[in-house]
Amino acid sequence: MNTNDIVKQSEISISVGLNNEKHPVKIEWSAQDSGLDGKKEAKALMLAFWDKIEKSTMRIDLWTTEMSVEEMRFFAYETLRSMADSYERATSDKELSKELRAFANKFGKAAKVLK
């Protein structure tokens, strides 16, 4: 069996409720293999896809009207921090991952989410 053979299919679902001005007011998600039952509510999401033909990124960034600026600052910090972890797992480049973590910490302090 080839490591690229699909042996299982898993679905991730995202639902976005919009108000009259087409601003997100409710975001729900579910994933078959998450270990969680039912839909979970979120205030924001950042989703990126790499297009293998165009060799470019398609992104979806959404946040609900109830997401506070303080929460967005923390969300941005945690996203940067987790990108460093993902980058290291994908590339094994410990040095650049370390630099990205340092930038995330600098950002976190400037955004006043870290001391």
C-alpha atoms as a PDB file:
ATOM      1  CA  MET A   1       0.000   0.000   0.000  1.00  0.00           C
ATOM      2  CA  ASN A   2       1.274   3.462  -0.976  1.00  0.00           C
ATOM      3  CA  THR A   3       1.414   6.109   1.787  1.00  0.00           C
ATOM      4  CA  ASN A   4      -0.677   8.381  -0.486  1.00  0.00           C
ATOM      5  CA  ASP A   5      -3.534   5.886  -0.765  1.00  0.00           C
ATOM      6  CA  ILE A   6      -6.684   7.192   0.917  1.00  0.00           C
ATOM      7  CA  VAL A   7      -7.802   4.692   3.537  1.00  0.00           C
ATOM      8  CA  LYS A   8     -10.276   6.930   5.366  1.00  0.00           C
ATOM      9  CA  GLN A   9     -12.216  10.086   4.588  1.00  0.00           C
ATOM     10  CA  SER A  10     -12.913  12.666   7.319  1.00  0.00           C
ATOM     11  CA  GLU A  11     -15.101  15.740   7.070  1.00  0.00           C
ATOM     12  CA  ILE A  12     -14.698  19.150   8.700  1.00  0.00           C
ATOM     13  CA  SER A  13     -17.756  21.387   8.572  1.00  0.00           C
ATOM     14  CA  ILE A  14     -17.934  25.172   9.115  1.00  0.00           C
ATOM     15  CA  SER A  15     -21.190  27.113   9.267  1.00  0.00           C
ATOM     16  CA  VAL A  16     -21.310  30.928   9.299  1.00  0.00           C
ATOM     17  CA  GLY A  17     -24.445  32.875  10.236  1.00  0.00           C
ATOM     18  CA  LEU A  18     -24.580  36.397   8.803  1.00  0.00           C
ATOM     19  CA  ASN A  19     -26.601  39.432   9.853  1.00  0.00           C
ATOM     20  CA  ASN A  20     -28.399  41.836   7.464  1.00  0.00           C
ATOM     21  CA  GLU A  21     -25.094  43.607   6.727  1.00  0.00           C
ATOM     22  CA  LYS A  22     -23.475  40.237   5.879  1.00  0.00           C
ATOM     23  CA  HIS A  23     -21.221  40.356   8.947  1.00  0.00           C
ATOM     24  CA  PRO A  24     -20.628  37.048  10.758  1.00  0.00           C
ATOM     25  CA  VAL A  25     -22.653  36.781  13.965  1.00  0.00           C
ATOM     26  CA  LYS A  26     -22.289  33.028  14.546  1.00  0.00           C
ATOM     27  CA  ILE A  27     -19.559  30.576  13.565  1.00  0.00           C
ATOM     28  CA  GLU A  28     -19.957  26.859  14.242  1.00  0.00           C
ATOM     29  CA  TRP A  29     -17.687  23.987  13.327  1.00  0.00           C
ATOM     30  CA  SER A  30     -17.549  20.240  13.664  1.00  0.00           C
ATOM     31  CA  ALA A  31     -15.056  17.563  12.697  1.00  0.00           C
ATOM     32  CA  GLN A  32     -15.684  13.843  12.571  1.00  0.00           C
ATOM     33  CA  ASP A  33     -12.350  12.922  14.144  1.00  0.00           C
ATOM     34  CA  SER A  34     -12.108  15.760  16.694  1.00  0.00           C
ATOM     35  CA  GLY A  35     -13.254  13.635  19.618  1.00  0.00           C
ATOM     36  CA  LEU A  36     -15.948  16.229  20.336  1.00  0.00           C
ATOM     37  CA  ASP A  37     -19.673  15.658  19.935  1.00  0.00           C
ATOM     38  CA  GLY A  38     -21.784  18.008  17.849  1.00  0.00           C
ATOM     39  CA  LYS A  39     -21.136  21.519  16.653  1.00  0.00           C
ATOM     40  CA  LYS A  40     -18.843  23.856  18.569  1.00  0.00           C
ATOM     41  CA  GLU A  41     -19.222  27.619  18.514  1.00  0.00           C
ATOM     42  CA  ALA A  42     -16.311  29.938  17.737  1.00  0.00           C
ATOM     43  CA  LYS A  43     -15.914  33.704  17.641  1.00  0.00           C
ATOM     44  CA  ALA A  44     -13.257  33.692  14.897  1.00  0.00           C
ATOM     45  CA  LEU A  45     -11.482  31.521  12.376  1.00  0.00           C
ATOM     46  CA  MET A  46      -8.424  31.735  10.171  1.00  0.00           C
ATOM     47  CA  LEU A  47      -8.264  29.128   7.453  1.00  0.00           C
ATOM     48  CA  ALA A  48      -5.621  28.813   4.765  1.00  0.00           C
ATOM     49  CA  PHE A  49      -5.474  26.497   1.760  1.00  0.00           C
ATOM     50  CA  TRP A  50      -2.435  25.942  -0.444  1.00  0.00           C
ATOM     51  CA  ASP A  51      -3.482  25.665  -4.079  1.00  0.00           C
ATOM     52  CA  LYS A  52      -1.173  23.053  -5.584  1.00  0.00           C
ATOM     53  CA  ILE A  53      -1.755  24.211  -9.164  1.00  0.00           C
ATOM     54  CA  GLU A  54      -1.589  27.991  -8.649  1.00  0.00           C
ATOM     55  CA  LYS A  55       1.050  27.578  -5.912  1.00  0.00           C
ATOM     56  CA  SER A  56      -0.589  30.252  -3.811  1.00  0.00           C
ATOM     57  CA  THR A  57      -2.545  30.593  -0.599  1.00  0.00           C
ATOM     58  CA  MET A  58      -6.287  31.131  -0.372  1.00  0.00           C
ATOM     59  CA  ARG A  59      -7.340  32.405   3.039  1.00  0.00           C
ATOM     60  CA  ILE A  60     -10.583  32.885   4.890  1.00  0.00           C
ATOM     61  CA  ASP A  61     -10.481  35.120   7.978  1.00  0.00           C
ATOM     62  CA  LEU A  62     -13.762  35.666   9.796  1.00  0.00           C
ATOM     63  CA  TRP A  63     -14.735  36.946  13.213  1.00  0.00           C
ATOM     64  CA  THR A  64     -18.102  37.531  14.775  1.00  0.00           C
ATOM     65  CA  THR A  65     -19.436  40.918  15.784  1.00  0.00           C
ATOM     66  CA  GLU A  66     -19.060  39.934  19.451  1.00  0.00           C
ATOM     67  CA  MET A  67     -15.303  39.273  19.173  1.00  0.00           C
ATOM     68  CA  SER A  68     -13.552  41.902  21.264  1.00  0.00           C
ATOM     69  CA  VAL A  69     -10.357  43.645  20.198  1.00  0.00           C
ATOM     70  CA  GLU A  70      -8.615  42.106  23.214  1.00  0.00           C
ATOM     71  CA  GLU A  71      -9.709  38.610  22.138  1.00  0.00           C
ATOM     72  CA  MET A  72      -8.537  39.313  18.568  1.00  0.00           C
ATOM     73  CA  ARG A  73      -5.122  40.375  19.849  1.00  0.00           C
ATOM     74  CA  PHE A  74      -4.793  37.127  21.796  1.00  0.00           C
ATOM     75  CA  PHE A  75      -6.131  35.096  18.844  1.00  0.00           C
ATOM     76  CA  ALA A  76      -3.545  36.682  16.517  1.00  0.00           C
ATOM     77  CA  TYR A  77      -0.756  35.995  19.024  1.00  0.00           C
ATOM     78  CA  GLU A  78      -1.760  32.356  19.468  1.00  0.00           C
ATOM     79  CA  THR A  79      -2.070  31.920  15.691  1.00  0.00           C
ATOM     80  CA  LEU A  80       1.466  33.224  15.157  1.00  0.00           C
ATOM     81  CA  ARG A  81       2.756  31.001  17.944  1.00  0.00           C
ATOM     82  CA  SER A  82       1.056  27.903  16.526  1.00  0.00           C
ATOM     83  CA  MET A  83       2.365  28.714  13.034  1.00  0.00           C
ATOM     84  CA  ALA A  84       5.882  28.343  14.428  1.00  0.00           C
ATOM     85  CA  ASP A  85       5.000  24.870  15.711  1.00  0.00           C
ATOM     86  CA  SER A  86       3.400  23.878  12.390  1.00  0.00           C
ATOM     87  CA  TYR A  87       6.341  25.243  10.413  1.00  0.00           C
ATOM     88  CA  GLU A  88       8.807  23.266  12.519  1.00  0.00           C
ATOM     89  CA  ARG A  89       6.817  20.025  12.168  1.00  0.00           C
ATOM     90  CA  ALA A  90       6.556  20.509   8.388  1.00  0.00           C
ATOM     91  CA  THR A  91      10.135  21.616   7.668  1.00  0.00           C
ATOM     92  CA  SER A  92      12.249  20.512  10.665  1.00  0.00           C
ATOM     93  CA  ASP A  93      13.755  24.015  10.495  1.00  0.00           C
ATOM     94  CA  LYS A  94      14.331  24.665  14.181  1.00  0.00           C
ATOM     95  CA  GLU A  95      16.168  27.971  13.661  1.00  0.00           C
ATOM     96  CA  LEU A  96      13.435  29.734  11.659  1.00  0.00           C
ATOM     97  CA  SER A  97      10.793  28.262  13.950  1.00  0.00           C
ATOM     98  CA  LYS A  98      12.665  29.747  16.898  1.00  0.00           C
ATOM     99  CA  GLU A  99      12.713  33.142  15.142  1.00  0.00           C
ATOM    100  CA  LEU A 100       8.973  32.949  14.457  1.00  0.00           C
ATOM    101  CA  ARG A 101       8.316  32.121  18.132  1.00  0.00           C
ATOM    102  CA  ALA A 102      10.462  35.093  19.148  1.00  0.00           C
ATOM    103  CA  PHE A 103       8.456  37.337  16.806  1.00  0.00           C
ATOM    104  CA  ALA A 104       5.188  35.936  18.192  1.00  0.00           C
ATOM    105  CA  ASN A 105       6.358  36.727  21.734  1.00  0.00           C
ATOM    106  CA  LYS A 106       7.385  40.250  20.687  1.00  0.00           C
ATOM    107  CA  PHE A 107       3.967  40.683  19.061  1.00  0.00           C
ATOM    108  CA  GLY A 108       2.235  39.306  22.171  1.00  0.00           C
ATOM    109  CA  LYS A 109       4.014  41.819  24.373  1.00  0.00           C
ATOM    110  CA  ALA A 110       3.287  44.727  22.001  1.00  0.00           C
ATOM    111  CA  ALA A 111      -0.382  43.662  21.832  1.00  0.00           C
ATOM    112  CA  LYS A 112      -0.377  43.479  25.652  1.00  0.00           C
ATOM    113  CA  VAL A 113      -1.442  39.841  25.792  1.00  0.00           C
ATOM    114  CA  LEU A 114       1.901  38.822  27.350  1.00  0.00           C
ATOM    115  CA  LYS A 115       3.838  40.444  30.167  1.00  0.00           C
END
